[in-house]
C-alpha atoms as a PDB file:
ATOM      1  CA  UNK A   1     110.114  15.456 174.500  1.00  0.00           C
ATOM      2  CA  UNK A   2     113.588  14.349 175.530  1.00  0.00           C
ATOM      3  CA  UNK A   3     114.543  11.639 173.035  1.00  0.00           C
ATOM      4  CA  UNK A   4     113.772  10.995 169.362  1.00  0.00           C
ATOM      5  CA  UNK A   5     114.432   7.778 167.462  1.00  0.00           C
ATOM      6  CA  UNK A   6     114.353   7.965 163.649  1.00  0.00           C
ATOM      7  CA  UNK A   7     113.446   4.684 161.987  1.00  0.00           C
ATOM      8  CA  UNK A   8     111.982   3.630 158.659  1.00  0.00           C
ATOM      9  CA  UNK A   9     111.952   2.257 156.073  1.00  0.00           C
ATOM     10  CA  UNK A  10     115.580   3.235 155.680  1.00  0.00           C
ATOM     11  CA  UNK A  11     116.390   6.754 156.972  1.00  0.00           C
ATOM     12  CA  UNK A  12     119.634   7.006 154.983  1.00  0.00           C
ATOM     13  CA  UNK A  13     117.749   6.944 151.685  1.00  0.00           C
ATOM     14  CA  UNK A  14     117.388  10.702 152.249  1.00  0.00           C
ATOM     15  CA  UNK A  15     120.633  11.757 154.005  1.00  0.00           C
ATOM     16  CA  UNK A  16     120.202  15.502 153.377  1.00  0.00           C
ATOM     17  CA  UNK A  17     116.792  15.648 155.041  1.00  0.00           C
ATOM     18  CA  UNK A  18     118.081  13.386 157.808  1.00  0.00           C
ATOM     19  CA  UNK A  19     120.887  15.821 158.575  1.00  0.00           C
ATOM     20  CA  UNK A  20     118.390  18.702 158.723  1.00  0.00           C
ATOM     21  CA  UNK A  21     116.288  16.792 161.262  1.00  0.00           C
ATOM     22  CA  UNK A  22     119.335  16.098 163.444  1.00  0.00           C
ATOM     23  CA  UNK A  23     120.510  19.687 163.448  1.00  0.00           C
ATOM     24  CA  UNK A  24     117.034  21.078 164.183  1.00  0.00           C
ATOM     25  CA  UNK A  25     116.391  18.636 167.026  1.00  0.00           C
ATOM     26  CA  UNK A  26     119.690  19.426 168.727  1.00  0.00           C
ATOM     27  CA  UNK A  27     120.121  23.143 168.064  1.00  0.00           C
ATOM     28  CA  UNK A  28     116.483  24.281 168.160  1.00  0.00           C
ATOM     29  CA  UNK A  29     114.736  21.724 170.373  1.00  0.00           C
ATOM     30  CA  UNK A  30     117.696  20.880 172.592  1.00  0.00           C
ATOM     31  CA  UNK A  31     116.888  17.161 172.754  1.00  0.00           C
ATOM     32  CA  UNK A  32     118.995  15.039 175.074  1.00  0.00           C
ATOM     33  CA  UNK A  33     119.267  12.201 172.596  1.00  0.00           C
ATOM     34  CA  UNK A  34     118.705  11.460 168.924  1.00  0.00           C
ATOM     35  CA  UNK A  35     119.103   7.946 167.562  1.00  0.00           C
ATOM     36  CA  UNK A  36     118.775   6.412 164.111  1.00  0.00           C
ATOM     37  CA  UNK A  37     117.910   2.817 163.201  1.00  0.00           C
ATOM     38  CA  UNK A  38     119.348   1.675 159.866  1.00  0.00           C
ATOM     39  CA  UNK A  39     120.041  -1.517 157.943  1.00  0.00           C
ATOM     40  CA  UNK A  40     123.535  -0.123 157.320  1.00  0.00           C
ATOM     41  CA  UNK A  41     123.483  -0.347 153.521  1.00  0.00           C
ATOM     42  CA  UNK A  42     123.567   3.420 152.861  1.00  0.00           C
ATOM     43  CA  UNK A  43     125.697   4.686 155.759  1.00  0.00           C
ATOM     44  CA  UNK A  44     128.847   6.548 154.685  1.00  0.00           C
ATOM     45  CA  UNK A  45     131.800   7.566 156.845  1.00  0.00           C
ATOM     46  CA  UNK A  46     131.916  11.150 155.572  1.00  0.00           C
ATOM     47  CA  UNK A  47     128.263  11.642 156.563  1.00  0.00           C
ATOM     48  CA  UNK A  48     128.932  10.375 160.086  1.00  0.00           C
ATOM     49  CA  UNK A  49     132.003  12.572 160.400  1.00  0.00           C
ATOM     50  CA  UNK A  50     130.044  15.699 159.446  1.00  0.00           C
ATOM     51  CA  UNK A  51     126.974  14.960 161.580  1.00  0.00           C
ATOM     52  CA  UNK A  52     128.346  13.127 164.627  1.00  0.00           C
ATOM     53  CA  UNK A  53     127.945  16.214 166.834  1.00  0.00           C
ATOM     54  CA  UNK A  54     124.153  15.949 166.413  1.00  0.00           C
ATOM     55  CA  UNK A  55     123.815  12.160 166.685  1.00  0.00           C
ATOM     56  CA  UNK A  56     123.913  10.262 169.980  1.00  0.00           C
ATOM     57  CA  UNK A  57     123.115   6.690 168.933  1.00  0.00           C
ATOM     58  CA  UNK A  58     123.341   4.759 165.684  1.00  0.00           C
ATOM     59  CA  UNK A  59     121.563   1.397 165.723  1.00  0.00           C
ATOM     60  CA  UNK A  60     122.129  -1.110 162.938  1.00  0.00           C
ATOM     61  CA  UNK A  61     119.860  -4.086 162.310  1.00  0.00           C
ATOM     62  CA  UNK A  62     121.614  -7.439 161.976  1.00  0.00           C
ATOM     63  CA  UNK A  63     119.731 -10.709 162.338  1.00  0.00           C
ATOM     64  CA  UNK A  64     122.605 -13.075 161.626  1.00  0.00           C
ATOM     65  CA  UNK A  65     126.367 -13.199 161.161  1.00  0.00           C
ATOM     66  CA  UNK A  66     125.989 -15.913 158.542  1.00  0.00           C
ATOM     67  CA  UNK A  67     125.589 -14.455 155.011  1.00  0.00           C
ATOM     68  CA  UNK A  68     123.444 -17.375 153.853  1.00  0.00           C
ATOM     69  CA  UNK A  69     121.098 -17.007 156.822  1.00  0.00           C
ATOM     70  CA  UNK A  70     120.759 -13.294 156.121  1.00  0.00           C
ATOM     71  CA  UNK A  71     119.733 -14.056 152.563  1.00  0.00           C
ATOM     72  CA  UNK A  72     117.017 -16.422 153.812  1.00  0.00           C
ATOM     73  CA  UNK A  73     115.722 -13.694 156.105  1.00  0.00           C
ATOM     74  CA  UNK A  74     115.797 -11.136 153.301  1.00  0.00           C
ATOM     75  CA  UNK A  75     118.738  -9.031 154.434  1.00  0.00           C
ATOM     76  CA  UNK A  76     122.055  -8.452 152.698  1.00  0.00           C
ATOM     77  CA  UNK A  77     121.568  -9.977 149.260  1.00  0.00           C
ATOM     78  CA  UNK A  78     125.193  -9.141 148.396  1.00  0.00           C
ATOM     79  CA  UNK A  79     126.482 -11.017 151.455  1.00  0.00           C
ATOM     80  CA  UNK A  80     128.462  -7.995 152.639  1.00  0.00           C
ATOM     81  CA  UNK A  81     126.192  -6.597 155.351  1.00  0.00           C
ATOM     82  CA  UNK A  82     128.229  -8.173 158.176  1.00  0.00           C
ATOM     83  CA  UNK A  83     131.396  -6.597 156.819  1.00  0.00           C
ATOM     84  CA  UNK A  84     129.635  -3.226 156.676  1.00  0.00           C
ATOM     85  CA  UNK A  85     128.391  -3.730 160.228  1.00  0.00           C
ATOM     86  CA  UNK A  86     131.903  -4.007 161.651  1.00  0.00           C
ATOM     87  CA  UNK A  87     132.988  -1.015 159.585  1.00  0.00           C
ATOM     88  CA  UNK A  88     130.123   1.109 160.920  1.00  0.00           C
ATOM     89  CA  UNK A  89     130.917   0.083 164.505  1.00  0.00           C
ATOM     90  CA  UNK A  90     134.469   1.331 163.996  1.00  0.00           C
ATOM     91  CA  UNK A  91     133.259   4.644 162.565  1.00  0.00           C
ATOM     92  CA  UNK A  92     130.973   5.145 165.549  1.00  0.00           C
ATOM     93  CA  UNK A  93     133.876   4.659 167.946  1.00  0.00           C
ATOM     94  CA  UNK A  94     136.015   7.069 165.935  1.00  0.00           C
ATOM     95  CA  UNK A  95     133.395   9.837 166.002  1.00  0.00           C
ATOM     96  CA  UNK A  96     131.998   9.391 169.509  1.00  0.00           C
ATOM     97  CA  UNK A  97     128.614   7.959 168.487  1.00  0.00           C
ATOM     98  CA  UNK A  98     127.126   5.229 170.642  1.00  0.00           C
ATOM     99  CA  UNK A  99     126.842   2.035 168.612  1.00  0.00           C
ATOM    100  CA  UNK A 100     123.750  -0.112 169.102  1.00  0.00           C
ATOM    101  CA  UNK A 101     122.700  -3.405 167.536  1.00  0.00           C
ATOM    102  CA  UNK A 102     119.160  -4.673 166.831  1.00  0.00           C
ATOM    103  CA  UNK A 103     118.386  -8.346 166.190  1.00  0.00           C
ATOM    104  CA  UNK A 104     115.038 -10.029 165.490  1.00  0.00           C
ATOM    105  CA  UNK A 105     114.941 -13.666 166.590  1.00  0.00           C
ATOM    106  CA  UNK A 106     113.158 -15.742 163.968  1.00  0.00           C
ATOM    107  CA  UNK A 107     112.924 -19.262 162.608  1.00  0.00           C
ATOM    108  CA  UNK A 108     116.189 -18.902 160.653  1.00  0.00           C
ATOM    109  CA  UNK A 109     118.487 -17.609 163.413  1.00  0.00           C
ATOM    110  CA  UNK A 110     117.141 -18.784 166.787  1.00  0.00           C
ATOM    111  CA  UNK A 111     119.790 -21.528 167.053  1.00  0.00           C
ATOM    112  CA  UNK A 112     122.733 -19.262 166.156  1.00  0.00           C
ATOM    113  CA  UNK A 113     125.387 -18.433 168.759  1.00  0.00           C
ATOM    114  CA  UNK A 114     126.305 -14.767 168.274  1.00  0.00           C
ATOM    115  CA  UNK A 115     128.449 -14.420 171.394  1.00  0.00           C
ATOM    116  CA  UNK A 116     131.841 -13.990 169.749  1.00  0.00           C
ATOM    117  CA  UNK A 117     130.654 -11.439 167.181  1.00  0.00           C
ATOM    118  CA  UNK A 118     128.756  -9.401 169.774  1.00  0.00           C
ATOM    119  CA  UNK A 119     131.838  -9.281 171.977  1.00  0.00           C
ATOM    120  CA  UNK A 120     133.940  -8.116 169.015  1.00  0.00           C
ATOM    121  CA  UNK A 121     131.426  -5.442 167.997  1.00  0.00           C
ATOM    122  CA  UNK A 122     131.004  -4.310 171.621  1.00  0.00           C
ATOM    123  CA  UNK A 123     127.696  -2.428 171.205  1.00  0.00           C
ATOM    124  CA  UNK A 124     126.693  -0.409 174.251  1.00  0.00           C
ATOM    125  CA  UNK A 125     123.208  -1.920 173.826  1.00  0.00           C
ATOM    126  CA  UNK A 126     122.052  -5.027 171.950  1.00  0.00           C
ATOM    127  CA  UNK A 127     118.267  -5.089 171.537  1.00  0.00           C
ATOM    128  CA  UNK A 128     117.001  -8.603 170.860  1.00  0.00           C
ATOM    129  CA  UNK A 129     113.378  -8.747 169.663  1.00  0.00           C
ATOM    130  CA  UNK A 130     111.065 -11.731 169.355  1.00  0.00           C
ATOM    131  CA  UNK A 131     109.567 -11.847 165.860  1.00  0.00           C
ATOM    132  CA  UNK A 132     106.186 -10.114 166.089  1.00  0.00           C
ATOM    133  CA  UNK A 133     102.985 -10.224 164.045  1.00  0.00           C
ATOM    134  CA  UNK A 134     101.444  -6.777 163.517  1.00  0.00           C
ATOM    135  CA  UNK A 135      97.880  -6.789 162.230  1.00  0.00           C
ATOM    136  CA  UNK A 136      97.573  -5.023 158.886  1.00  0.00           C
ATOM    137  CA  UNK A 137     101.335  -5.006 158.250  1.00  0.00           C
ATOM    138  CA  UNK A 138     102.834  -8.483 158.116  1.00  0.00           C
ATOM    139  CA  UNK A 139     100.025 -10.835 159.067  1.00  0.00           C
ATOM    140  CA  UNK A 140      99.164 -12.619 155.808  1.00  0.00           C
ATOM    141  CA  UNK A 141     100.331 -13.498 152.292  1.00  0.00           C
ATOM    142  CA  UNK A 142      99.020 -10.235 150.782  1.00  0.00           C
ATOM    143  CA  UNK A 143     101.600  -8.184 152.679  1.00  0.00           C
ATOM    144  CA  UNK A 144     105.062  -7.389 151.394  1.00  0.00           C
ATOM    145  CA  UNK A 145     106.376  -9.684 154.113  1.00  0.00           C
ATOM    146  CA  UNK A 146     104.306 -12.446 155.660  1.00  0.00           C
ATOM    147  CA  UNK A 147     105.927 -12.732 159.091  1.00  0.00           C
ATOM    148  CA  UNK A 148     103.945 -15.803 160.079  1.00  0.00           C
ATOM    149  CA  UNK A 149     106.574 -18.015 158.456  1.00  0.00           C
ATOM    150  CA  UNK A 150     109.303 -16.367 160.555  1.00  0.00           C
ATOM    151  CA  UNK A 151     107.714 -16.891 163.989  1.00  0.00           C
ATOM    152  CA  UNK A 152     109.573 -18.828 166.678  1.00  0.00           C
ATOM    153  CA  UNK A 153     108.120 -20.973 169.419  1.00  0.00           C
ATOM    154  CA  UNK A 154     108.407 -19.860 173.030  1.00  0.00           C
ATOM    155  CA  UNK A 155     111.047 -22.530 173.614  1.00  0.00           C
ATOM    156  CA  UNK A 156     113.107 -21.354 170.617  1.00  0.00           C
ATOM    157  CA  UNK A 157     112.920 -17.766 171.865  1.00  0.00           C
ATOM    158  CA  UNK A 158     113.975 -18.793 175.379  1.00  0.00           C
ATOM    159  CA  UNK A 159     116.815 -20.913 173.988  1.00  0.00           C
ATOM    160  CA  UNK A 160     118.256 -17.917 172.157  1.00  0.00           C
ATOM    161  CA  UNK A 161     117.862 -15.768 175.286  1.00  0.00           C
ATOM    162  CA  UNK A 162     119.587 -18.276 177.573  1.00  0.00           C
ATOM    163  CA  UNK A 163     122.495 -18.536 175.145  1.00  0.00           C
ATOM    164  CA  UNK A 164     123.201 -14.794 175.221  1.00  0.00           C
ATOM    165  CA  UNK A 165     121.883 -13.456 178.518  1.00  0.00           C
ATOM    166  CA  UNK A 166     125.400 -13.324 180.033  1.00  0.00           C
ATOM    167  CA  UNK A 167     126.402 -10.555 177.619  1.00  0.00           C
ATOM    168  CA  UNK A 168     126.420  -7.147 179.300  1.00  0.00           C
ATOM    169  CA  UNK A 169     124.822  -5.330 176.352  1.00  0.00           C
ATOM    170  CA  UNK A 170     121.984  -7.862 175.958  1.00  0.00           C
ATOM    171  CA  UNK A 171     118.446  -6.363 176.268  1.00  0.00           C
ATOM    172  CA  UNK A 172     115.626  -8.784 175.291  1.00  0.00           C
ATOM    173  CA  UNK A 173     112.089  -7.794 174.264  1.00  0.00           C
ATOM    174  CA  UNK A 174     109.421 -10.419 173.829  1.00  0.00           C
ATOM    175  CA  UNK A 175     106.077  -9.809 172.135  1.00  0.00           C
ATOM    176  CA  UNK A 176     104.347  -8.819 175.362  1.00  0.00           C
ATOM    177  CA  UNK A 177     107.004  -6.205 176.191  1.00  0.00           C
ATOM    178  CA  UNK A 178     106.699  -4.568 172.784  1.00  0.00           C
ATOM    179  CA  UNK A 179     102.905  -4.204 172.744  1.00  0.00           C
ATOM    180  CA  UNK A 180     101.827  -0.580 173.359  1.00  0.00           C
ATOM    181  CA  UNK A 181     105.195   0.410 174.871  1.00  0.00           C
ATOM    182  CA  UNK A 182     106.414   2.398 171.854  1.00  0.00           C
ATOM    183  CA  UNK A 183     105.206   5.919 171.053  1.00  0.00           C
ATOM    184  CA  UNK A 184     105.339   5.958 167.253  1.00  0.00           C
ATOM    185  CA  UNK A 185     104.770   8.707 164.691  1.00  0.00           C
ATOM    186  CA  UNK A 186     104.362   8.008 160.977  1.00  0.00           C
ATOM    187  CA  UNK A 187     105.367  10.282 158.090  1.00  0.00           C
ATOM    188  CA  UNK A 188     102.117  12.232 158.430  1.00  0.00           C
ATOM    189  CA  UNK A 189     102.785  12.913 162.133  1.00  0.00           C
ATOM    190  CA  UNK A 190     100.034  10.538 163.245  1.00  0.00           C
ATOM    191  CA  UNK A 191     100.576   8.372 166.313  1.00  0.00           C
ATOM    192  CA  UNK A 192     100.431   4.632 165.574  1.00  0.00           C
ATOM    193  CA  UNK A 193      99.012   2.042 167.940  1.00  0.00           C
ATOM    194  CA  UNK A 194     100.515  -1.386 167.253  1.00  0.00           C
ATOM    195  CA  UNK A 195      99.326  -3.025 170.451  1.00  0.00           C
ATOM    196  CA  UNK A 196      96.450  -5.453 170.107  1.00  0.00           C
ATOM    197  CA  UNK A 197      94.767  -6.317 166.799  1.00  0.00           C
ATOM    198  CA  UNK A 198      95.020  -4.137 163.702  1.00  0.00           C
ATOM    199  CA  UNK A 199      97.231  -1.050 163.606  1.00  0.00           C
ATOM    200  CA  UNK A 200      95.275   2.083 164.421  1.00  0.00           C
ATOM    201  CA  UNK A 201      96.373   5.679 164.020  1.00  0.00           C
ATOM    202  CA  UNK A 202      95.519   9.055 165.475  1.00  0.00           C
ATOM    203  CA  UNK A 203      94.806  12.287 163.690  1.00  0.00           C
ATOM    204  CA  UNK A 204      97.941  14.238 162.810  1.00  0.00           C
ATOM    205  CA  UNK A 205      99.533  16.235 165.617  1.00  0.00           C
ATOM    206  CA  UNK A 206      99.905  19.023 163.050  1.00  0.00           C
ATOM    207  CA  UNK A 207      96.111  19.277 162.947  1.00  0.00           C
ATOM    208  CA  UNK A 208      94.905  18.461 166.471  1.00  0.00           C
ATOM    209  CA  UNK A 209      98.012  18.795 168.635  1.00  0.00           C
ATOM    210  CA  UNK A 210      99.959  16.230 170.631  1.00  0.00           C
ATOM    211  CA  UNK A 211      97.663  15.924 173.647  1.00  0.00           C
ATOM    212  CA  UNK A 212      94.531  15.303 171.602  1.00  0.00           C
ATOM    213  CA  UNK A 213      96.280  12.854 169.271  1.00  0.00           C
ATOM    214  CA  UNK A 214      97.663  10.845 172.205  1.00  0.00           C
ATOM    215  CA  UNK A 215      94.133  10.323 173.503  1.00  0.00           C
ATOM    216  CA  UNK A 216      93.381   8.373 170.317  1.00  0.00           C
ATOM    217  CA  UNK A 217      96.040   5.671 170.849  1.00  0.00           C
ATOM    218  CA  UNK A 218      97.337   3.557 173.714  1.00  0.00           C
ATOM    219  CA  UNK A 219     100.810   4.182 175.078  1.00  0.00           C
ATOM    220  CA  UNK A 220     101.647   2.190 178.196  1.00  0.00           C
ATOM    221  CA  UNK A 221     104.275   4.202 180.058  1.00  0.00           C
ATOM    222  CA  UNK A 222     104.647   1.491 182.705  1.00  0.00           C
ATOM    223  CA  UNK A 223     105.544  -1.092 180.037  1.00  0.00           C
ATOM    224  CA  UNK A 224     107.902   1.438 178.446  1.00  0.00           C
ATOM    225  CA  UNK A 225     109.852   1.780 181.693  1.00  0.00           C
ATOM    226  CA  UNK A 226     109.758  -1.939 182.500  1.00  0.00           C
ATOM    227  CA  UNK A 227     111.232  -2.920 179.131  1.00  0.00           C
ATOM    228  CA  UNK A 228     114.203  -0.615 179.738  1.00  0.00           C
ATOM    229  CA  UNK A 229     112.993   2.394 177.787  1.00  0.00           C
ATOM    230  CA  UNK A 230     115.012   4.718 180.020  1.00  0.00           C
ATOM    231  CA  UNK A 231     118.776   4.279 179.802  1.00  0.00           C
ATOM    232  CA  UNK A 232     122.005   6.222 179.326  1.00  0.00           C
ATOM    233  CA  UNK A 233     121.067   7.592 175.911  1.00  0.00           C
ATOM    234  CA  UNK A 234     123.364  10.614 175.399  1.00  0.00           C
ATOM    235  CA  UNK A 235     126.817  10.830 173.877  1.00  0.00           C
ATOM    236  CA  UNK A 236     129.722  10.573 176.341  1.00  0.00           C
ATOM    237  CA  UNK A 237     130.564  14.244 175.754  1.00  0.00           C
ATOM    238  CA  UNK A 238     126.942  15.375 175.993  1.00  0.00           C
ATOM    239  CA  UNK A 239     126.317  17.844 173.180  1.00  0.00           C
ATOM    240  CA  UNK A 240     124.566  20.838 174.692  1.00  0.00           C
ATOM    241  CA  UNK A 241     123.761  23.569 172.141  1.00  0.00           C
ATOM    242  CA  UNK A 242     124.020  27.147 173.357  1.00  0.00           C
ATOM    243  CA  UNK A 243     120.292  27.799 173.114  1.00  0.00           C
ATOM    244  CA  UNK A 244     119.239  24.555 174.772  1.00  0.00           C
ATOM    245  CA  UNK A 245     117.321  24.792 178.027  1.00  0.00           C
ATOM    246  CA  UNK A 246     119.575  21.988 179.295  1.00  0.00           C
ATOM    247  CA  UNK A 247     122.860  23.806 178.616  1.00  0.00           C
ATOM    248  CA  UNK A 248     123.624  24.162 182.336  1.00  0.00           C
ATOM    249  CA  UNK A 249     123.933  20.384 182.491  1.00  0.00           C
ATOM    250  CA  UNK A 250     121.284  20.068 185.193  1.00  0.00           C
ATOM    251  CA  UNK A 251     119.595  17.175 183.410  1.00  0.00           C
ATOM    252  CA  UNK A 252     121.939  14.350 182.472  1.00  0.00           C
ATOM    253  CA  UNK A 253     122.063  10.595 182.170  1.00  0.00           C
ATOM    254  CA  UNK A 254     122.846  10.133 185.869  1.00  0.00           C
ATOM    255  CA  UNK A 255     119.450  11.560 186.759  1.00  0.00           C
ATOM    256  CA  UNK A 256     117.318   9.728 184.202  1.00  0.00           C
ATOM    257  CA  UNK A 257     115.805   7.276 186.659  1.00  0.00           C
ATOM    258  CA  UNK A 258     114.784  10.060 189.024  1.00  0.00           C
ATOM    259  CA  UNK A 259     112.673  11.973 186.553  1.00  0.00           C
ATOM    260  CA  UNK A 260     108.903  11.595 186.622  1.00  0.00           C
ATOM    261  CA  UNK A 261     107.124  10.021 183.665  1.00  0.00           C
END
């Protein structure tokens, strides 16, 4: 394993445990990159200052720069999430953490022009996702969120993409690109398969090991590479712990594309 992305739920609901994960992954496992995906509501500057040396990328989810639109989507009930977003971007620059932005294109924001705000935020990577139905998670009215009412047409998705494709940080992912291209672990250390149909899961890697568990799900490495899964994912001043097997610097971002997958 070379890179770990911690997502949720909201990872910052348990900041102490989160810090333990970061330190272990860098100092014991010697991972090249650790990233966190957050909605930004619980991020504090003092936490980032203390833990920046272990964190390569901080991604914040923002689906709109209009407070009223965010409320319709279900984000930022207090209307302050955009303000927090700019604050977090500044903290990341101050502490040498790569700032990333995630946006889900849906029925409420597909016609929004985010160009000016993206240029001001200057994320090194802006992941733009097409709203996706996942069987067993968000596919009907019995779920916490019924995503069917948020879906965009292909033309709406393409309209949003055309409007922003000139931005250097822009990285789009449609539904096809997302299917089976993510290697996901849940809180029980079971791999999740969110490709076609209902979500399926493997036995826990703690019980059967990684190789056996991976046989029980589909992970399409070709799709992973084609959607841009390999990129410059380490901090500018690559943190190399003393005990890391990479401490001689022989494996770095410049050589990512040359490695075998």
